């Protein structure tokens, strides 16, 4: 059974940093694409960043220059380094991955709160 588990969320002051992790476990032979999404209260889930096995990386405009996505293929893990955090970054952050070239999986999310 394949699972994705996010970690690293928490409460941080504006201007601070957090590093999120998304670890895949189970019968995983390959993860070609991993993405981070976020959903703030009362808003739709939005794509934050995506990385593929070909090292193609995309970011939504609001996080460019502040967030960095990376992927450790050996560990089946993706990371989201978030710097210069703003209150508007407050949301539940989810990871999504295309596993074994066949199915998309979602994690259950980790809460990020940016507040003084």
C-alpha atoms as a PDB file:
ATOM      1  CA  UNK A   1       0.000   0.000   0.000  1.00  0.00           C
ATOM      2  CA  UNK A   2       1.435   3.328  -1.057  1.00  0.00           C
ATOM      3  CA  UNK A   3       1.366   6.279   1.308  1.00  0.00           C
ATOM      4  CA  UNK A   4       2.567   9.869   1.251  1.00  0.00           C
ATOM      5  CA  UNK A   5       3.203  11.546   4.581  1.00  0.00           C
ATOM      6  CA  UNK A   6       3.923  15.248   4.970  1.00  0.00           C
ATOM      7  CA  UNK A   7       5.811  16.719   7.909  1.00  0.00           C
ATOM      8  CA  UNK A   8       7.548  19.915   8.957  1.00  0.00           C
ATOM      9  CA  UNK A   9       4.604  22.253   9.315  1.00  0.00           C
ATOM     10  CA  UNK A  10       4.073  24.515  12.283  1.00  0.00           C
ATOM     11  CA  UNK A  11       3.746  28.063  13.539  1.00  0.00           C
ATOM     12  CA  UNK A  12       6.311  30.591  12.334  1.00  0.00           C
ATOM     13  CA  UNK A  13       6.602  34.363  12.478  1.00  0.00           C
ATOM     14  CA  UNK A  14       6.449  36.464   9.309  1.00  0.00           C
ATOM     15  CA  UNK A  15       9.823  36.434   7.611  1.00  0.00           C
ATOM     16  CA  UNK A  16      10.668  33.040   9.028  1.00  0.00           C
ATOM     17  CA  UNK A  17      11.384  29.729   7.334  1.00  0.00           C
ATOM     18  CA  UNK A  18      10.072  26.181   7.332  1.00  0.00           C
ATOM     19  CA  UNK A  19      11.074  23.039   5.472  1.00  0.00           C
ATOM     20  CA  UNK A  20       8.326  20.615   4.558  1.00  0.00           C
ATOM     21  CA  UNK A  21       8.958  16.981   3.699  1.00  0.00           C
ATOM     22  CA  UNK A  22       6.803  14.508   1.808  1.00  0.00           C
ATOM     23  CA  UNK A  23       7.903  10.901   2.194  1.00  0.00           C
ATOM     24  CA  UNK A  24       6.569   8.075   0.091  1.00  0.00           C
ATOM     25  CA  UNK A  25       6.384   4.525   1.432  1.00  0.00           C
ATOM     26  CA  UNK A  26       5.108   1.158   0.299  1.00  0.00           C
ATOM     27  CA  UNK A  27       5.468  -0.530  -3.084  1.00  0.00           C
ATOM     28  CA  UNK A  28       7.174   2.341  -4.874  1.00  0.00           C
ATOM     29  CA  UNK A  29       9.406   1.719  -7.879  1.00  0.00           C
ATOM     30  CA  UNK A  30       9.423   5.216  -9.272  1.00  0.00           C
ATOM     31  CA  UNK A  31       8.082   8.692  -8.566  1.00  0.00           C
ATOM     32  CA  UNK A  32       8.219  10.816 -11.671  1.00  0.00           C
ATOM     33  CA  UNK A  33       6.427  13.923 -10.468  1.00  0.00           C
ATOM     34  CA  UNK A  34       5.927  15.393  -7.012  1.00  0.00           C
ATOM     35  CA  UNK A  35       3.956  18.519  -6.317  1.00  0.00           C
ATOM     36  CA  UNK A  36       3.061  20.693  -3.367  1.00  0.00           C
ATOM     37  CA  UNK A  37      -0.406  22.202  -3.081  1.00  0.00           C
ATOM     38  CA  UNK A  38      -1.920  24.379  -0.388  1.00  0.00           C
ATOM     39  CA  UNK A  39      -5.400  25.228   0.745  1.00  0.00           C
ATOM     40  CA  UNK A  40      -6.206  28.212   2.914  1.00  0.00           C
ATOM     41  CA  UNK A  41      -9.501  28.478   4.833  1.00  0.00           C
ATOM     42  CA  UNK A  42     -12.343  29.357   2.479  1.00  0.00           C
ATOM     43  CA  UNK A  43     -10.147  29.076  -0.607  1.00  0.00           C
ATOM     44  CA  UNK A  44      -9.619  26.494  -3.308  1.00  0.00           C
ATOM     45  CA  UNK A  45      -6.592  24.215  -3.265  1.00  0.00           C
ATOM     46  CA  UNK A  46      -3.808  25.721  -5.380  1.00  0.00           C
ATOM     47  CA  UNK A  47      -0.656  24.323  -6.907  1.00  0.00           C
ATOM     48  CA  UNK A  48       2.466  25.753  -5.273  1.00  0.00           C
ATOM     49  CA  UNK A  49       5.375  23.911  -6.903  1.00  0.00           C
ATOM     50  CA  UNK A  50       6.100  20.874  -9.056  1.00  0.00           C
ATOM     51  CA  UNK A  51       9.238  18.877  -9.785  1.00  0.00           C
ATOM     52  CA  UNK A  52       9.659  16.020 -12.243  1.00  0.00           C
ATOM     53  CA  UNK A  53      12.326  13.364 -12.583  1.00  0.00           C
ATOM     54  CA  UNK A  54      13.752  15.387 -15.400  1.00  0.00           C
ATOM     55  CA  UNK A  55      14.331  18.197 -12.936  1.00  0.00           C
ATOM     56  CA  UNK A  56      11.678  20.375 -14.483  1.00  0.00           C
ATOM     57  CA  UNK A  57      10.538  22.764 -11.798  1.00  0.00           C
ATOM     58  CA  UNK A  58       7.603  25.152 -11.766  1.00  0.00           C
ATOM     59  CA  UNK A  59       6.330  27.565  -9.114  1.00  0.00           C
ATOM     60  CA  UNK A  60       3.211  29.615  -8.738  1.00  0.00           C
ATOM     61  CA  UNK A  61       4.040  33.307  -9.058  1.00  0.00           C
ATOM     62  CA  UNK A  62       3.323  34.177  -5.434  1.00  0.00           C
ATOM     63  CA  UNK A  63       6.129  31.953  -4.113  1.00  0.00           C
ATOM     64  CA  UNK A  64       8.819  32.472  -6.769  1.00  0.00           C
ATOM     65  CA  UNK A  65      12.103  33.517  -5.180  1.00  0.00           C
ATOM     66  CA  UNK A  66      10.954  32.416  -1.722  1.00  0.00           C
ATOM     67  CA  UNK A  67      10.153  28.698  -2.004  1.00  0.00           C
ATOM     68  CA  UNK A  68      12.383  25.929  -3.342  1.00  0.00           C
ATOM     69  CA  UNK A  69      11.201  22.442  -4.244  1.00  0.00           C
ATOM     70  CA  UNK A  70      13.603  19.519  -4.357  1.00  0.00           C
ATOM     71  CA  UNK A  71      13.418  15.739  -4.567  1.00  0.00           C
ATOM     72  CA  UNK A  72      15.555  12.899  -3.244  1.00  0.00           C
ATOM     73  CA  UNK A  73      14.848   9.965  -5.548  1.00  0.00           C
ATOM     74  CA  UNK A  74      16.689   7.479  -3.345  1.00  0.00           C
ATOM     75  CA  UNK A  75      14.450   8.361  -0.397  1.00  0.00           C
ATOM     76  CA  UNK A  76      11.222   8.832  -2.390  1.00  0.00           C
ATOM     77  CA  UNK A  77      10.970  12.181  -0.660  1.00  0.00           C
ATOM     78  CA  UNK A  78      10.217  15.706  -1.802  1.00  0.00           C
ATOM     79  CA  UNK A  79      10.982  18.861   0.118  1.00  0.00           C
ATOM     80  CA  UNK A  80       9.647  22.385   0.094  1.00  0.00           C
ATOM     81  CA  UNK A  81      11.981  24.965   1.587  1.00  0.00           C
ATOM     82  CA  UNK A  82       9.921  28.031   2.429  1.00  0.00           C
ATOM     83  CA  UNK A  83      11.698  31.297   3.219  1.00  0.00           C
ATOM     84  CA  UNK A  84      10.471  34.833   3.863  1.00  0.00           C
ATOM     85  CA  UNK A  85       7.104  33.471   4.893  1.00  0.00           C
ATOM     86  CA  UNK A  86       4.094  35.762   4.860  1.00  0.00           C
ATOM     87  CA  UNK A  87       0.717  35.520   6.608  1.00  0.00           C
ATOM     88  CA  UNK A  88      -0.821  34.799   3.182  1.00  0.00           C
ATOM     89  CA  UNK A  89       1.205  31.570   3.096  1.00  0.00           C
ATOM     90  CA  UNK A  90      -0.910  30.199   5.948  1.00  0.00           C
ATOM     91  CA  UNK A  91      -2.606  27.026   4.718  1.00  0.00           C
ATOM     92  CA  UNK A  92      -2.651  23.271   4.869  1.00  0.00           C
ATOM     93  CA  UNK A  93       0.099  22.049   2.570  1.00  0.00           C
ATOM     94  CA  UNK A  94      -0.403  18.795   0.675  1.00  0.00           C
ATOM     95  CA  UNK A  95       1.890  16.755  -1.512  1.00  0.00           C
ATOM     96  CA  UNK A  96       0.805  14.842  -4.585  1.00  0.00           C
ATOM     97  CA  UNK A  97       2.887  12.312  -6.473  1.00  0.00           C
ATOM     98  CA  UNK A  98       2.690  10.239  -9.636  1.00  0.00           C
ATOM     99  CA  UNK A  99       3.870   6.825  -8.462  1.00  0.00           C
ATOM    100  CA  UNK A 100       5.014   3.911 -10.604  1.00  0.00           C
ATOM    101  CA  UNK A 101       3.881   5.840 -13.652  1.00  0.00           C
ATOM    102  CA  UNK A 102       0.345   4.776 -12.975  1.00  0.00           C
ATOM    103  CA  UNK A 103      -1.500   6.553 -10.181  1.00  0.00           C
ATOM    104  CA  UNK A 104      -1.595   9.868  -8.375  1.00  0.00           C
ATOM    105  CA  UNK A 105      -1.501   9.845  -4.604  1.00  0.00           C
ATOM    106  CA  UNK A 106      -2.168  12.576  -2.048  1.00  0.00           C
ATOM    107  CA  UNK A 107      -0.854  13.016   1.450  1.00  0.00           C
ATOM    108  CA  UNK A 108      -3.096  14.121   4.307  1.00  0.00           C
ATOM    109  CA  UNK A 109      -1.471  17.521   4.686  1.00  0.00           C
ATOM    110  CA  UNK A 110       0.495  19.536   7.204  1.00  0.00           C
ATOM    111  CA  UNK A 111      -0.586  22.863   8.680  1.00  0.00           C
ATOM    112  CA  UNK A 112       1.562  25.951   8.162  1.00  0.00           C
ATOM    113  CA  UNK A 113       0.625  29.052  10.128  1.00  0.00           C
ATOM    114  CA  UNK A 114       2.462  32.328   9.652  1.00  0.00           C
ATOM    115  CA  UNK A 115       1.601  34.762  12.415  1.00  0.00           C
ATOM    116  CA  UNK A 116       3.203  37.090  14.909  1.00  0.00           C
END
